[in-house]
Amino acid sequence: MINPQITNLVIMLVMMQLSRRIDMEDETNILYIRVAYVASVALGWIVFQLARRAIVAKNDLTTLKYVKPASPLGGEGEKLEVTTVRDYDLQEIDSSIKSIYTGLAMMGFMHLYMKYTNPLFMQMISPIKTALEHNEVKIHLFGALPVGPLKRPFATQSMFGGASQGPKTDKKSIEAAERAGQGGVKRE
């Protein structure tokens, strides 16, 4: 499977080459770039909403236990999480939807306030690509089985193809976290 970060890099290089050939000062080109970016964001949002609807319709209440790794930035250590598959999936999808809003706000600020058009052009493909590569979309819209890299809880892949980092799901780690009293309250 191709690493999404590598494909992002390739897309950015291609988009950089294309942006050199486009007159970013021409109002007509700016309008087309705006329309393409907004359409891309809207399509990505729609894909996530369809996946969200499929998750709610499936309503998988299977219990999911895992030990969340320690935050590299904060002082919080490992924490036991007890949830359902549905709630975990909704949390993942909602996080992705929020990232669409964040990206839209950043691009809006850069384009409308700072008058940069190039970043808008560069990010034209990203929302759709991100939505189609999302694990929840693969499982709930494309019918992929939740095994291997799609097994919940999802591991985050290293940017340079190294070992995946993610929650611990082995019985020993879960029991140790339960004994230590590190979380474990089931969220409804």
Protein backbone atom coordinates (compact mmCIF):
# COMPACT_ATOMS: atom_id res chain seq x y z
CA MET A 1 0.00 0.00 0.00
CA ILE A 2 1.35 3.43 -0.92
CA ASN A 3 1.95 5.79 1.98
CA PRO A 4 -0.52 8.74 1.80
CA GLN A 5 2.22 11.17 2.84
CA ILE A 6 4.30 10.15 -0.18
CA THR A 7 1.35 10.66 -2.54
CA ASN A 8 0.72 14.05 -0.90
CA LEU A 9 4.32 15.00 -1.63
CA VAL A 10 4.02 13.91 -5.26
CA ILE A 11 0.75 15.81 -5.68
CA MET A 12 2.31 18.94 -4.18
CA LEU A 13 5.25 18.73 -6.57
CA VAL A 14 2.92 18.36 -9.55
CA MET A 15 0.71 21.21 -8.33
CA MET A 16 3.77 23.43 -7.87
CA GLN A 17 4.76 22.82 -11.49
CA LEU A 18 1.20 23.56 -12.66
CA SER A 19 0.99 26.73 -10.56
CA ARG A 20 4.02 28.14 -12.35
CA ARG A 21 2.15 27.93 -15.64
CA ILE A 22 -1.01 29.66 -14.39
CA ASP A 23 -1.35 33.42 -14.11
CA MET A 24 -2.34 33.85 -10.45
CA GLU A 25 -3.11 37.55 -11.00
CA ASP A 26 -5.85 36.99 -13.59
CA GLU A 27 -9.28 37.40 -11.96
CA THR A 28 -10.81 34.68 -14.14
CA ASN A 29 -8.17 32.16 -13.05
CA ILE A 30 -8.64 33.17 -9.43
CA LEU A 31 -12.38 32.57 -9.75
CA TYR A 32 -11.81 29.10 -11.23
CA ILE A 33 -9.32 28.25 -8.48
CA ARG A 34 -11.80 29.40 -5.81
CA VAL A 35 -14.62 27.36 -7.34
CA ALA A 36 -12.41 24.26 -7.65
CA TYR A 37 -11.20 24.57 -4.04
CA VAL A 38 -14.71 25.07 -2.62
CA ALA A 39 -16.01 22.15 -4.73
CA SER A 40 -13.17 19.95 -3.45
CA VAL A 41 -13.91 20.87 0.17
CA ALA A 42 -17.63 20.29 -0.36
CA LEU A 43 -17.04 16.86 -1.93
CA GLY A 44 -14.71 15.85 0.90
CA TRP A 45 -17.29 16.99 3.45
CA ILE A 46 -20.03 15.03 1.65
CA VAL A 47 -17.90 11.86 1.65
CA PHE A 48 -17.35 12.19 5.41
CA GLN A 49 -21.06 12.84 6.00
CA LEU A 50 -21.99 9.73 3.99
CA ALA A 51 -19.55 7.67 6.05
CA ARG A 52 -20.95 9.19 9.25
CA ARG A 53 -24.48 8.27 8.16
CA ALA A 54 -23.34 4.68 7.43
CA ILE A 55 -21.74 4.43 10.89
CA VAL A 56 -24.91 5.61 12.62
CA ALA A 57 -27.06 3.26 10.52
CA LYS A 58 -24.83 0.27 11.29
CA ASN A 59 -24.87 1.09 15.04
CA ASP A 60 -22.11 -1.40 15.99
CA LEU A 61 -22.13 -1.44 19.80
CA THR A 62 -19.27 -3.92 20.16
CA THR A 63 -17.03 -2.89 23.08
CA LEU A 64 -13.59 -1.66 22.10
CA LYS A 65 -10.79 -1.49 24.70
CA TYR A 66 -7.35 -0.08 24.07
CA VAL A 67 -4.55 1.77 25.81
CA LYS A 68 -4.03 5.22 24.36
CA PRO A 69 -0.31 6.02 24.07
CA ALA A 70 1.21 8.82 26.11
CA SER A 71 0.94 12.24 24.51
CA PRO A 72 4.33 13.38 23.19
CA LEU A 73 3.47 17.01 23.98
CA GLY A 74 1.59 16.80 27.28
CA GLY A 75 2.32 15.33 30.66
CA GLU A 76 -0.49 12.80 30.36
CA GLY A 77 0.63 9.18 30.38
CA GLU A 78 -0.96 6.12 28.85
CA LYS A 79 -4.72 5.93 29.35
CA LEU A 80 -7.19 3.07 29.06
CA GLU A 81 -10.08 3.82 26.70
CA VAL A 82 -13.28 1.79 26.76
CA THR A 83 -15.80 2.68 24.06
CA THR A 84 -17.92 1.10 21.35
CA VAL A 85 -16.98 0.63 17.72
CA ARG A 86 -19.71 3.08 16.72
CA ASP A 87 -18.49 5.77 19.12
CA TYR A 88 -14.87 5.25 18.07
CA ASP A 89 -15.80 5.50 14.39
CA LEU A 90 -17.90 8.63 14.99
CA GLN A 91 -15.03 10.19 16.94
CA GLU A 92 -12.65 9.52 14.03
CA ILE A 93 -15.08 10.91 11.43
CA ASP A 94 -15.93 13.97 13.53
CA SER A 95 -12.22 14.68 13.96
CA SER A 96 -11.79 14.58 10.18
CA ILE A 97 -14.77 16.87 9.62
CA LYS A 98 -13.28 19.35 12.10
CA SER A 99 -9.99 19.21 10.20
CA ILE A 100 -11.89 20.19 7.03
CA TYR A 101 -13.25 23.25 8.85
CA THR A 102 -9.79 24.11 10.16
CA GLY A 103 -8.26 23.82 6.69
CA LEU A 104 -11.05 25.93 5.23
CA ALA A 105 -10.48 28.63 7.87
CA MET A 106 -6.72 28.64 7.24
CA MET A 107 -7.13 28.82 3.48
CA GLY A 108 -9.80 31.51 3.85
CA PHE A 109 -7.47 33.60 5.98
CA MET A 110 -4.51 33.11 3.64
CA HIS A 111 -6.51 33.80 0.50
CA LEU A 112 -9.04 36.44 1.53
CA TYR A 113 -7.03 38.37 4.11
CA MET A 114 -3.43 37.88 2.98
CA LYS A 115 -4.34 37.70 -0.74
CA TYR A 116 -2.40 34.49 -1.46
CA THR A 117 -3.85 32.41 -4.28
CA ASN A 118 -1.08 29.85 -4.68
CA PRO A 119 -1.83 27.92 -1.43
CA LEU A 120 -5.48 27.73 -2.46
CA PHE A 121 -4.43 26.17 -5.76
CA MET A 122 -1.98 23.81 -4.02
CA GLN A 123 -4.66 22.51 -1.64
CA MET A 124 -7.30 21.96 -4.32
CA ILE A 125 -7.00 18.16 -4.36
CA SER A 126 -6.25 17.50 -0.68
CA PRO A 127 -9.78 17.47 0.81
CA ILE A 128 -11.07 14.84 -1.62
CA LYS A 129 -7.90 12.76 -1.42
CA THR A 130 -7.93 12.86 2.37
CA ALA A 131 -11.58 11.84 2.52
CA LEU A 132 -11.15 8.92 0.10
CA GLU A 133 -8.06 7.63 1.95
CA HIS A 134 -9.66 7.80 5.41
CA ASN A 135 -9.96 4.45 7.17
CA GLU A 136 -13.61 4.95 8.12
CA VAL A 137 -14.53 5.79 4.53
CA LYS A 138 -12.75 2.67 3.30
CA ILE A 139 -14.64 0.52 5.81
CA HIS A 140 -18.12 2.07 5.69
CA LEU A 141 -18.42 3.34 2.12
CA PHE A 142 -16.14 1.03 0.15
CA GLY A 143 -16.85 -2.14 2.15
CA ALA A 144 -13.26 -2.90 3.20
CA LEU A 145 -12.95 -5.37 6.05
CA PRO A 146 -11.59 -3.95 9.33
CA VAL A 147 -8.49 -6.15 9.39
CA GLY A 148 -4.79 -5.39 9.12
CA PRO A 149 -4.19 -1.64 8.87
CA LEU A 150 -7.96 -1.04 9.06
CA LYS A 151 -8.28 -2.84 12.41
CA ARG A 152 -9.60 -0.59 15.15
CA PRO A 153 -8.09 1.28 16.93
CA PHE A 154 -6.12 2.64 13.99
CA ALA A 155 -2.37 3.00 14.14
CA THR A 156 -0.84 6.17 12.76
CA GLN A 157 1.70 5.48 10.09
CA SER A 158 5.10 7.09 10.31
CA MET A 159 5.75 9.77 7.69
CA PHE A 160 8.86 8.02 6.41
CA GLY A 161 7.43 4.51 6.25
CA GLY A 162 8.70 3.42 9.67
CA ALA A 163 6.85 1.33 12.19
CA SER A 164 3.26 2.26 12.85
CA GLN A 165 2.51 3.95 16.15
CA GLY A 166 -0.75 3.51 17.85
CA PRO A 167 -2.83 2.29 20.73
CA LYS A 168 -1.98 -0.97 22.49
CA THR A 169 -4.67 -3.60 22.18
CA ASP A 170 -2.92 -6.61 23.69
CA LYS A 171 -4.56 -8.19 26.74
CA LYS A 172 -1.50 -7.65 28.96
CA SER A 173 -1.39 -3.86 28.36
CA ILE A 174 -5.15 -3.49 28.88
CA GLU A 175 -5.07 -5.47 32.16
CA ALA A 176 -2.07 -3.46 33.41
CA ALA A 177 -3.89 -0.19 32.65
CA GLU A 178 -7.04 -1.46 34.38
CA ARG A 179 -5.04 -2.39 37.49
CA ALA A 180 -3.29 0.99 37.47
CA GLY A 181 -6.65 2.76 37.28
CA GLN A 182 -5.71 4.73 34.17
CA GLY A 183 -9.10 5.59 32.74
CA GLY A 184 -11.41 2.88 31.54
CA VAL A 185 -14.75 4.57 32.05
CA LYS A 186 -16.97 3.68 29.12
CA ARG A 187 -18.18 6.75 27.28
CA GLU A 188 -21.71 6.64 25.93
